[in-house]
């Protein structure tokens, strides 16, 4: 008997809640319109809300490439970094490199890449931008800053940076990342 009473009370509470939720239907009627309205209302609230956050890259203001060169002992040797930071005056290119040949001019080229993190996803032609040439008088550590106009950090993100010297010899390379 207690179970029947509890079931009856729960049913009455459920009907009261159903009719109370509909402000467009008469409160004491349970017609087809009310059932359809409540079904639509319940359907709206039961559907999952999916929030997607996209990263268009517009908020990238600083990128850098860890640079490498071939070692005299074989393998790769770390050279330092080339970073790019957006400023009010343009894109600031900060060079902090070692292992440069004294008096040699290095030309920086940027190759845009896809998202596969492999060189095969990179363009075979360098971007049509002119970055400053790099030259170390004594071959020791070079710390120099330049301003580059007409370029953003977003455009450089995930690209390959290559330094060449002596007419095209690949002297150094790195990947530009946030």
C-alpha atoms as a PDB file:
ATOM      1  CA  UNK A   1       0.000   0.000   0.000  1.00  0.00           C
ATOM      2  CA  UNK A   2       2.854   2.366   0.842  1.00  0.00           C
ATOM      3  CA  UNK A   3       4.362   1.790  -2.622  1.00  0.00           C
ATOM      4  CA  UNK A   4       1.069   2.623  -4.379  1.00  0.00           C
ATOM      5  CA  UNK A   5       0.742   5.832  -2.345  1.00  0.00           C
ATOM      6  CA  UNK A   6       4.340   6.834  -3.117  1.00  0.00           C
ATOM      7  CA  UNK A   7       3.794   6.112  -6.826  1.00  0.00           C
ATOM      8  CA  UNK A   8       0.566   8.140  -6.854  1.00  0.00           C
ATOM      9  CA  UNK A   9       2.305  11.083  -5.134  1.00  0.00           C
ATOM     10  CA  UNK A  10       5.233  10.930  -7.555  1.00  0.00           C
ATOM     11  CA  UNK A  11       2.816  10.840 -10.517  1.00  0.00           C
ATOM     12  CA  UNK A  12       0.884  13.834  -9.211  1.00  0.00           C
ATOM     13  CA  UNK A  13       4.125  15.756  -8.629  1.00  0.00           C
ATOM     14  CA  UNK A  14       5.294  14.907 -12.136  1.00  0.00           C
ATOM     15  CA  UNK A  15       2.067  16.123 -13.743  1.00  0.00           C
ATOM     16  CA  UNK A  16       2.181  19.300 -11.658  1.00  0.00           C
ATOM     17  CA  UNK A  17       5.743  19.969 -12.783  1.00  0.00           C
ATOM     18  CA  UNK A  18       4.880  19.281 -16.426  1.00  0.00           C
ATOM     19  CA  UNK A  19       1.956  21.672 -16.467  1.00  0.00           C
ATOM     20  CA  UNK A  20       3.801  24.317 -14.451  1.00  0.00           C
ATOM     21  CA  UNK A  21       6.603  24.405 -17.018  1.00  0.00           C
ATOM     22  CA  UNK A  22       4.325  25.505 -19.852  1.00  0.00           C
ATOM     23  CA  UNK A  23       3.282  29.163 -19.673  1.00  0.00           C
ATOM     24  CA  UNK A  24       1.515  29.204 -23.049  1.00  0.00           C
ATOM     25  CA  UNK A  25      -0.945  26.360 -22.253  1.00  0.00           C
ATOM     26  CA  UNK A  26      -3.900  26.504 -19.913  1.00  0.00           C
ATOM     27  CA  UNK A  27      -2.721  25.134 -16.571  1.00  0.00           C
ATOM     28  CA  UNK A  28      -5.562  22.687 -16.034  1.00  0.00           C
ATOM     29  CA  UNK A  29      -5.635  21.070 -19.486  1.00  0.00           C
ATOM     30  CA  UNK A  30      -3.384  18.392 -20.835  1.00  0.00           C
ATOM     31  CA  UNK A  31      -4.011  18.612 -24.571  1.00  0.00           C
ATOM     32  CA  UNK A  32      -2.036  17.709 -27.676  1.00  0.00           C
ATOM     33  CA  UNK A  33      -0.571  21.220 -27.965  1.00  0.00           C
ATOM     34  CA  UNK A  34       0.801  20.985 -24.434  1.00  0.00           C
ATOM     35  CA  UNK A  35       2.403  17.601 -25.110  1.00  0.00           C
ATOM     36  CA  UNK A  36       4.067  18.868 -28.302  1.00  0.00           C
ATOM     37  CA  UNK A  37       5.248  22.043 -26.569  1.00  0.00           C
ATOM     38  CA  UNK A  38       6.745  20.128 -23.647  1.00  0.00           C
ATOM     39  CA  UNK A  39       8.380  17.639 -26.029  1.00  0.00           C
ATOM     40  CA  UNK A  40      10.022  20.521 -27.934  1.00  0.00           C
ATOM     41  CA  UNK A  41      11.071  22.218 -24.677  1.00  0.00           C
ATOM     42  CA  UNK A  42      12.541  18.975 -23.315  1.00  0.00           C
ATOM     43  CA  UNK A  43      14.242  18.272 -26.635  1.00  0.00           C
ATOM     44  CA  UNK A  44      15.951  21.668 -26.574  1.00  0.00           C
ATOM     45  CA  UNK A  45      17.327  21.139 -23.093  1.00  0.00           C
ATOM     46  CA  UNK A  46      18.371  17.541 -23.591  1.00  0.00           C
ATOM     47  CA  UNK A  47      20.499  18.204 -26.685  1.00  0.00           C
ATOM     48  CA  UNK A  48      24.169  18.445 -25.797  1.00  0.00           C
ATOM     49  CA  UNK A  49      25.773  21.847 -26.028  1.00  0.00           C
ATOM     50  CA  UNK A  50      28.992  21.665 -28.013  1.00  0.00           C
ATOM     51  CA  UNK A  51      31.413  24.529 -27.673  1.00  0.00           C
ATOM     52  CA  UNK A  52      34.245  24.602 -30.138  1.00  0.00           C
ATOM     53  CA  UNK A  53      37.200  26.852 -29.688  1.00  0.00           C
ATOM     54  CA  UNK A  54      39.112  27.567 -32.841  1.00  0.00           C
ATOM     55  CA  UNK A  55      42.614  28.911 -33.029  1.00  0.00           C
ATOM     56  CA  UNK A  56      42.976  30.927 -36.176  1.00  0.00           C
ATOM     57  CA  UNK A  57      46.451  31.967 -35.117  1.00  0.00           C
ATOM     58  CA  UNK A  58      45.464  35.611 -34.892  1.00  0.00           C
ATOM     59  CA  UNK A  59      46.653  35.760 -31.311  1.00  0.00           C
ATOM     60  CA  UNK A  60      50.220  34.635 -32.078  1.00  0.00           C
ATOM     61  CA  UNK A  61      52.506  37.536 -31.243  1.00  0.00           C
ATOM     62  CA  UNK A  62      55.814  35.800 -30.671  1.00  0.00           C
ATOM     63  CA  UNK A  63      57.519  32.876 -32.413  1.00  0.00           C
ATOM     64  CA  UNK A  64      61.068  31.545 -32.410  1.00  0.00           C
ATOM     65  CA  UNK A  65      63.236  29.008 -34.123  1.00  0.00           C
ATOM     66  CA  UNK A  66      65.911  26.945 -32.427  1.00  0.00           C
ATOM     67  CA  UNK A  67      68.655  26.867 -35.033  1.00  0.00           C
ATOM     68  CA  UNK A  68      71.010  23.973 -35.876  1.00  0.00           C
ATOM     69  CA  UNK A  69      74.037  23.510 -38.120  1.00  0.00           C
ATOM     70  CA  UNK A  70      76.250  20.586 -39.098  1.00  0.00           C
ATOM     71  CA  UNK A  71      78.930  19.851 -36.542  1.00  0.00           C
ATOM     72  CA  UNK A  72      82.598  19.339 -37.462  1.00  0.00           C
ATOM     73  CA  UNK A  73      82.438  16.106 -35.471  1.00  0.00           C
ATOM     74  CA  UNK A  74      79.368  14.895 -37.388  1.00  0.00           C
ATOM     75  CA  UNK A  75      75.723  15.300 -36.489  1.00  0.00           C
ATOM     76  CA  UNK A  76      73.940  18.522 -35.651  1.00  0.00           C
ATOM     77  CA  UNK A  77      75.126  21.318 -33.377  1.00  0.00           C
ATOM     78  CA  UNK A  78      72.873  23.890 -31.722  1.00  0.00           C
ATOM     79  CA  UNK A  79      73.457  27.430 -32.962  1.00  0.00           C
ATOM     80  CA  UNK A  80      71.057  29.419 -30.805  1.00  0.00           C
ATOM     81  CA  UNK A  81      67.774  31.132 -31.612  1.00  0.00           C
ATOM     82  CA  UNK A  82      66.110  33.527 -34.001  1.00  0.00           C
ATOM     83  CA  UNK A  83      62.888  34.947 -32.587  1.00  0.00           C
ATOM     84  CA  UNK A  84      60.194  37.219 -33.966  1.00  0.00           C
ATOM     85  CA  UNK A  85      58.098  39.459 -31.705  1.00  0.00           C
ATOM     86  CA  UNK A  86      55.339  41.795 -32.831  1.00  0.00           C
ATOM     87  CA  UNK A  87      55.812  45.424 -31.782  1.00  0.00           C
ATOM     88  CA  UNK A  88      54.116  48.706 -32.660  1.00  0.00           C
ATOM     89  CA  UNK A  89      56.930  49.418 -35.151  1.00  0.00           C
ATOM     90  CA  UNK A  90      56.806  46.057 -36.925  1.00  0.00           C
ATOM     91  CA  UNK A  91      58.039  42.517 -36.388  1.00  0.00           C
ATOM     92  CA  UNK A  92      61.205  42.525 -34.306  1.00  0.00           C
ATOM     93  CA  UNK A  93      63.672  39.860 -35.396  1.00  0.00           C
ATOM     94  CA  UNK A  94      66.086  38.942 -32.591  1.00  0.00           C
ATOM     95  CA  UNK A  95      69.185  36.971 -33.582  1.00  0.00           C
ATOM     96  CA  UNK A  96      71.208  35.141 -30.936  1.00  0.00           C
ATOM     97  CA  UNK A  97      73.549  32.742 -32.768  1.00  0.00           C
ATOM     98  CA  UNK A  98      76.960  31.093 -32.401  1.00  0.00           C
ATOM     99  CA  UNK A  99      79.075  29.080 -34.889  1.00  0.00           C
ATOM    100  CA  UNK A 100      78.834  31.665 -37.686  1.00  0.00           C
ATOM    101  CA  UNK A 101      81.781  31.951 -40.057  1.00  0.00           C
ATOM    102  CA  UNK A 102      83.613  35.283 -39.574  1.00  0.00           C
ATOM    103  CA  UNK A 103      82.807  37.856 -42.220  1.00  0.00           C
ATOM    104  CA  UNK A 104      80.363  35.590 -44.112  1.00  0.00           C
ATOM    105  CA  UNK A 105      76.927  36.897 -45.063  1.00  0.00           C
ATOM    106  CA  UNK A 106      73.978  34.657 -44.149  1.00  0.00           C
ATOM    107  CA  UNK A 107      70.616  35.025 -45.878  1.00  0.00           C
ATOM    108  CA  UNK A 108      67.463  33.940 -44.050  1.00  0.00           C
ATOM    109  CA  UNK A 109      64.656  32.261 -45.999  1.00  0.00           C
ATOM    110  CA  UNK A 110      61.265  31.138 -44.716  1.00  0.00           C
ATOM    111  CA  UNK A 111      59.382  28.124 -46.090  1.00  0.00           C
ATOM    112  CA  UNK A 112      55.724  27.794 -45.115  1.00  0.00           C
ATOM    113  CA  UNK A 113      54.735  24.333 -43.912  1.00  0.00           C
ATOM    114  CA  UNK A 114      51.596  22.305 -43.360  1.00  0.00           C
ATOM    115  CA  UNK A 115      50.577  20.676 -40.112  1.00  0.00           C
ATOM    116  CA  UNK A 116      52.309  17.292 -40.565  1.00  0.00           C
ATOM    117  CA  UNK A 117      55.536  18.386 -38.780  1.00  0.00           C
ATOM    118  CA  UNK A 118      57.691  17.023 -41.568  1.00  0.00           C
ATOM    119  CA  UNK A 119      59.733  18.770 -44.246  1.00  0.00           C
ATOM    120  CA  UNK A 120      57.678  17.112 -46.968  1.00  0.00           C
ATOM    121  CA  UNK A 121      54.772  19.369 -45.932  1.00  0.00           C
ATOM    122  CA  UNK A 122      56.819  22.514 -46.587  1.00  0.00           C
ATOM    123  CA  UNK A 123      56.714  24.633 -49.709  1.00  0.00           C
ATOM    124  CA  UNK A 124      59.645  24.108 -52.057  1.00  0.00           C
ATOM    125  CA  UNK A 125      59.861  27.838 -52.749  1.00  0.00           C
ATOM    126  CA  UNK A 126      60.765  30.341 -50.037  1.00  0.00           C
ATOM    127  CA  UNK A 127      58.219  32.978 -49.045  1.00  0.00           C
ATOM    128  CA  UNK A 128      58.579  36.168 -51.054  1.00  0.00           C
ATOM    129  CA  UNK A 129      59.862  38.174 -48.098  1.00  0.00           C
ATOM    130  CA  UNK A 130      63.195  39.797 -47.581  1.00  0.00           C
ATOM    131  CA  UNK A 131      64.668  39.248 -44.145  1.00  0.00           C
ATOM    132  CA  UNK A 132      67.826  41.083 -43.050  1.00  0.00           C
ATOM    133  CA  UNK A 133      71.155  39.496 -43.916  1.00  0.00           C
ATOM    134  CA  UNK A 134      73.156  38.299 -40.940  1.00  0.00           C
ATOM    135  CA  UNK A 135      76.897  38.815 -40.588  1.00  0.00           C
ATOM    136  CA  UNK A 136      79.265  38.240 -37.706  1.00  0.00           C
ATOM    137  CA  UNK A 137      82.527  40.193 -37.854  1.00  0.00           C
ATOM    138  CA  UNK A 138      84.485  37.843 -35.597  1.00  0.00           C
ATOM    139  CA  UNK A 139      82.517  34.579 -35.792  1.00  0.00           C
ATOM    140  CA  UNK A 140      81.725  34.575 -32.102  1.00  0.00           C
ATOM    141  CA  UNK A 141      78.254  35.018 -30.667  1.00  0.00           C
ATOM    142  CA  UNK A 142      76.041  37.373 -32.685  1.00  0.00           C
ATOM    143  CA  UNK A 143      73.247  39.176 -30.861  1.00  0.00           C
ATOM    144  CA  UNK A 144      71.441  41.593 -33.125  1.00  0.00           C
ATOM    145  CA  UNK A 145      67.881  42.917 -33.551  1.00  0.00           C
ATOM    146  CA  UNK A 146      66.126  44.067 -36.707  1.00  0.00           C
ATOM    147  CA  UNK A 147      62.653  45.430 -37.548  1.00  0.00           C
ATOM    148  CA  UNK A 148      60.802  43.673 -40.370  1.00  0.00           C
ATOM    149  CA  UNK A 149      57.718  45.382 -41.806  1.00  0.00           C
ATOM    150  CA  UNK A 150      54.821  43.786 -43.666  1.00  0.00           C
ATOM    151  CA  UNK A 151      55.035  40.458 -41.851  1.00  0.00           C
ATOM    152  CA  UNK A 152      53.336  38.997 -38.767  1.00  0.00           C
ATOM    153  CA  UNK A 153      54.293  36.272 -36.316  1.00  0.00           C
ATOM    154  CA  UNK A 154      51.177  34.377 -37.396  1.00  0.00           C
ATOM    155  CA  UNK A 155      52.503  34.117 -40.950  1.00  0.00           C
ATOM    156  CA  UNK A 156      55.734  32.584 -39.651  1.00  0.00           C
ATOM    157  CA  UNK A 157      54.215  30.118 -37.204  1.00  0.00           C
ATOM    158  CA  UNK A 158      55.128  26.484 -38.060  1.00  0.00           C
ATOM    159  CA  UNK A 159      57.374  27.537 -40.950  1.00  0.00           C
ATOM    160  CA  UNK A 160      60.931  26.375 -41.595  1.00  0.00           C
ATOM    161  CA  UNK A 161      63.728  28.936 -41.368  1.00  0.00           C
ATOM    162  CA  UNK A 162      66.882  28.333 -43.351  1.00  0.00           C
ATOM    163  CA  UNK A 163      70.129  30.289 -43.326  1.00  0.00           C
ATOM    164  CA  UNK A 164      72.242  30.049 -46.451  1.00  0.00           C
ATOM    165  CA  UNK A 165      75.709  31.381 -47.261  1.00  0.00           C
ATOM    166  CA  UNK A 166      78.206  31.307 -50.136  1.00  0.00           C
ATOM    167  CA  UNK A 167      75.613  31.322 -52.892  1.00  0.00           C
ATOM    168  CA  UNK A 168      73.182  28.772 -51.498  1.00  0.00           C
ATOM    169  CA  UNK A 169      75.013  26.474 -49.032  1.00  0.00           C
ATOM    170  CA  UNK A 170      72.534  25.449 -46.317  1.00  0.00           C
ATOM    171  CA  UNK A 171      74.308  26.696 -43.240  1.00  0.00           C
ATOM    172  CA  UNK A 172      71.566  26.434 -40.614  1.00  0.00           C
ATOM    173  CA  UNK A 173      67.918  25.500 -40.160  1.00  0.00           C
ATOM    174  CA  UNK A 174      65.136  25.588 -37.593  1.00  0.00           C
ATOM    175  CA  UNK A 175      61.370  25.419 -37.179  1.00  0.00           C
ATOM    176  CA  UNK A 176      59.542  28.592 -36.216  1.00  0.00           C
ATOM    177  CA  UNK A 177      57.027  27.891 -33.444  1.00  0.00           C
ATOM    178  CA  UNK A 178      55.093  29.668 -30.713  1.00  0.00           C
END
